Every structure is written in structure tokens, then in C-alpha cells.
Amino acid sequence: MANIAQWNTIIHSIYDRSSKKMFKKHNAEMRNIAENFIDYSGFIQSTDNPVLALKKVYVHKEQKGMMAIDQKGTGKNLAQLRLYVYPDTDKKEIHVLKVNTKPTKSQQGQDITECLKLLEKEGLVSIRKSKKSS
């Protein structure tokens, strides 16, 4: 049997801020996200391959290797929430970045941009600025 390295979870400050608001407004959804994250984390621990987690119904691919875990689970009329995570395969770390509702594509885009800027600041991804042609 292969020796699989233990993955660590890194919680970032923007998650701390965003989760407090979400727990107050969307407690059932946050419970589902927590259960889904535990399942996601365990799956990565056992397979050592975050890409395989995309087969899970609650995991969505985002930009630059980032993934979104949603609120699918028990309950009715659940608000759409996304927990943004980044699995760093080199360091075996799951970065928990931010959780928020998904009211519009515009808001979702802002959340993704905020997460990507944090990942770039941490040296985990590079966000290239496109040059405008004259």
C-alpha cells in the first residue's frame, strides 16, 4: 500500500470574516458545507489527488486550480453558497479561502478575484495582467 502524505488545512482570515456572517444567516447551508468539506478533505487524504474530487456533486472547478464546495445536502430551499478552497499539491495543503452566497455571477466573480489575489500574495498562483493593445 502506498504511503500517502497527510494534507493540512490552512484557514485564511477572509474565511474567518465571511463565515461569521454566513453562519448567522445560513446555518443549515453552512452545516452542509462543513460536512461536504470534511468529505472532500477525507477524499483528498485517501486519493492524494484533488482533481478526482471534481467527481463529487458538490465540488466545482474554478480558476487557477481553485475549487468551490457548495451547500448540497439535507434541507429544503437552501441558499446557494460557495466555499472556495485551493488544494496545494506541492505542500499538501488545503487552503480554505472564503465562503459566500452566490447571488449573481458578478458577485461570484468578485469572490473568485478576491481569493485569487490572496493566493497570488501567498505565492501560490500567478495572475497575469493582460496588456491592452494600442
Protein backbone atom coordinates (compact mmCIF):
# COMPACT_ATOMS: atom_id res chain seq x y z
CA MET A 1 0.00 0.00 0.00
CA ALA A 2 1.32 3.45 -0.96
CA ASN A 3 2.31 5.90 1.74
CA ILE A 4 0.11 8.97 1.21
CA ALA A 5 1.24 12.24 2.78
CA GLN A 6 -1.07 13.88 5.27
CA TRP A 7 -2.77 17.02 3.95
CA ASN A 8 -3.02 20.05 6.25
CA THR A 9 -5.81 22.60 6.28
CA ILE A 10 -4.91 26.31 6.24
CA ILE A 11 -7.73 28.68 7.23
CA HIS A 12 -7.29 32.22 5.87
CA SER A 13 -8.56 35.40 7.55
CA ILE A 14 -11.05 36.22 4.77
CA TYR A 15 -12.74 32.90 5.54
CA ASP A 16 -12.96 33.82 9.22
CA ARG A 17 -14.66 37.11 8.35
CA SER A 18 -17.01 35.70 5.73
CA SER A 19 -18.01 32.60 7.71
CA LYS A 20 -19.25 34.56 10.74
CA LYS A 21 -21.83 36.32 8.57
CA MET A 22 -22.81 33.12 6.76
CA PHE A 23 -23.30 31.11 9.98
CA LYS A 24 -25.73 33.76 11.24
CA LYS A 25 -27.75 33.99 8.02
CA HIS A 26 -27.41 30.49 6.53
CA ASN A 27 -26.82 28.00 9.32
CA ALA A 28 -28.27 24.93 7.54
CA GLU A 29 -26.26 25.66 4.41
CA MET A 30 -23.07 26.12 6.43
CA ARG A 31 -23.62 22.77 8.16
CA ASN A 32 -23.88 21.14 4.74
CA ILE A 33 -20.77 22.93 3.52
CA ALA A 34 -18.90 21.77 6.62
CA GLU A 35 -19.98 18.16 6.00
CA ASN A 36 -19.05 18.46 2.33
CA PHE A 37 -15.64 19.91 3.22
CA ILE A 38 -14.97 17.05 5.64
CA ASP A 39 -15.88 14.57 2.89
CA TYR A 40 -13.75 16.49 0.34
CA SER A 41 -10.78 16.60 2.72
CA GLY A 42 -11.06 12.91 3.51
CA PHE A 43 -11.31 12.09 -0.18
CA ILE A 44 -8.11 14.03 -0.90
CA GLN A 45 -6.39 12.34 2.05
CA SER A 46 -7.27 8.92 0.64
CA THR A 47 -6.59 9.59 -3.06
CA ASP A 48 -3.86 12.26 -2.83
CA ASN A 49 -5.43 13.75 -5.97
CA PRO A 50 -7.66 16.84 -5.65
CA VAL A 51 -8.70 16.68 -9.32
CA LEU A 52 -10.54 13.42 -8.67
CA ALA A 53 -12.73 15.30 -6.16
CA LEU A 54 -14.41 17.04 -9.11
CA LYS A 55 -16.46 13.86 -9.45
CA LYS A 56 -18.24 14.85 -6.24
CA VAL A 57 -21.58 16.54 -6.96
CA TYR A 58 -20.81 19.44 -4.60
CA VAL A 59 -17.31 20.30 -5.96
CA HIS A 60 -16.91 22.79 -8.80
CA LYS A 61 -13.76 23.74 -10.70
CA GLU A 62 -12.78 27.40 -10.56
CA GLN A 63 -9.84 29.37 -11.96
CA LYS A 64 -6.14 28.59 -11.33
CA GLY A 65 -6.78 25.27 -9.58
CA MET A 66 -9.20 26.71 -7.07
CA MET A 67 -12.34 24.72 -6.25
CA ALA A 68 -15.73 25.65 -4.86
CA ILE A 69 -17.62 23.42 -2.45
CA ASP A 70 -21.34 24.09 -2.34
CA GLN A 71 -24.21 23.58 0.09
CA LYS A 72 -25.77 20.47 -1.48
CA GLY A 73 -27.09 18.18 1.22
CA THR A 74 -30.02 17.94 3.59
CA GLY A 75 -32.64 20.66 3.79
CA LYS A 76 -35.10 22.40 1.51
CA ASN A 77 -34.93 25.78 -0.20
CA LEU A 78 -31.26 26.20 0.64
CA ALA A 79 -29.49 29.38 -0.44
CA GLN A 80 -26.64 28.80 -2.85
CA LEU A 81 -23.33 29.12 -1.02
CA ARG A 82 -19.78 28.50 -2.17
CA LEU A 83 -16.75 27.66 -0.04
CA TYR A 84 -13.65 28.50 -2.06
CA VAL A 85 -10.64 26.27 -1.44
CA TYR A 86 -7.26 25.81 -3.05
CA PRO A 87 -5.51 22.43 -2.85
CA ASP A 88 -1.74 22.99 -2.96
CA THR A 89 -0.50 19.65 -4.26
CA ASP A 90 3.18 20.52 -3.69
CA LYS A 91 2.83 21.31 0.02
CA LYS A 92 -0.16 19.02 0.64
CA GLU A 93 -2.24 21.89 1.99
CA ILE A 94 -5.91 22.72 1.53
CA HIS A 95 -6.31 26.50 1.73
CA VAL A 96 -9.78 27.49 2.95
CA LEU A 97 -10.27 30.92 1.42
CA LYS A 98 -13.79 32.34 1.59
CA VAL A 99 -17.45 31.41 1.86
CA ASN A 100 -20.26 33.47 0.41
CA THR A 101 -23.65 33.31 -1.19
CA LYS A 102 -23.87 33.03 -4.94
CA PRO A 103 -26.49 35.71 -5.66
CA THR A 104 -25.15 36.74 -9.07
CA LYS A 105 -22.35 35.82 -11.44
CA SER A 106 -20.92 39.29 -10.76
CA GLN A 107 -20.68 38.65 -7.00
CA GLN A 108 -19.23 35.21 -7.61
CA GLY A 109 -16.63 36.78 -9.91
CA GLN A 110 -15.69 39.29 -7.20
CA ASP A 111 -15.28 36.48 -4.66
CA ILE A 112 -13.08 34.49 -7.04
CA THR A 113 -10.95 37.57 -7.79
CA GLU A 114 -10.50 38.24 -4.05
CA CYS A 115 -9.42 34.63 -3.49
CA LEU A 116 -7.03 34.69 -6.44
CA LYS A 117 -5.40 37.88 -5.16
CA LEU A 118 -4.86 36.20 -1.78
CA LEU A 119 -3.36 33.13 -3.46
CA GLU A 120 -1.08 35.34 -5.54
CA LYS A 121 0.03 37.22 -2.42
CA GLU A 122 0.84 33.84 -0.83
CA GLY A 123 2.88 32.91 -3.91
CA LEU A 124 0.58 30.02 -4.85
CA VAL A 125 -0.70 31.30 -8.21
CA SER A 126 0.24 33.97 -10.70
CA ILE A 127 -2.38 36.31 -12.06
CA ARG A 128 -1.16 37.73 -15.34
CA LYS A 129 -2.23 41.20 -16.26
CA SER A 130 -3.21 41.39 -19.90
CA LYS A 131 -1.61 44.18 -21.90
CA LYS A 132 -4.01 46.36 -23.81
CA SER A 133 -3.09 46.83 -27.42
CA SER A 134 -2.77 50.38 -28.65
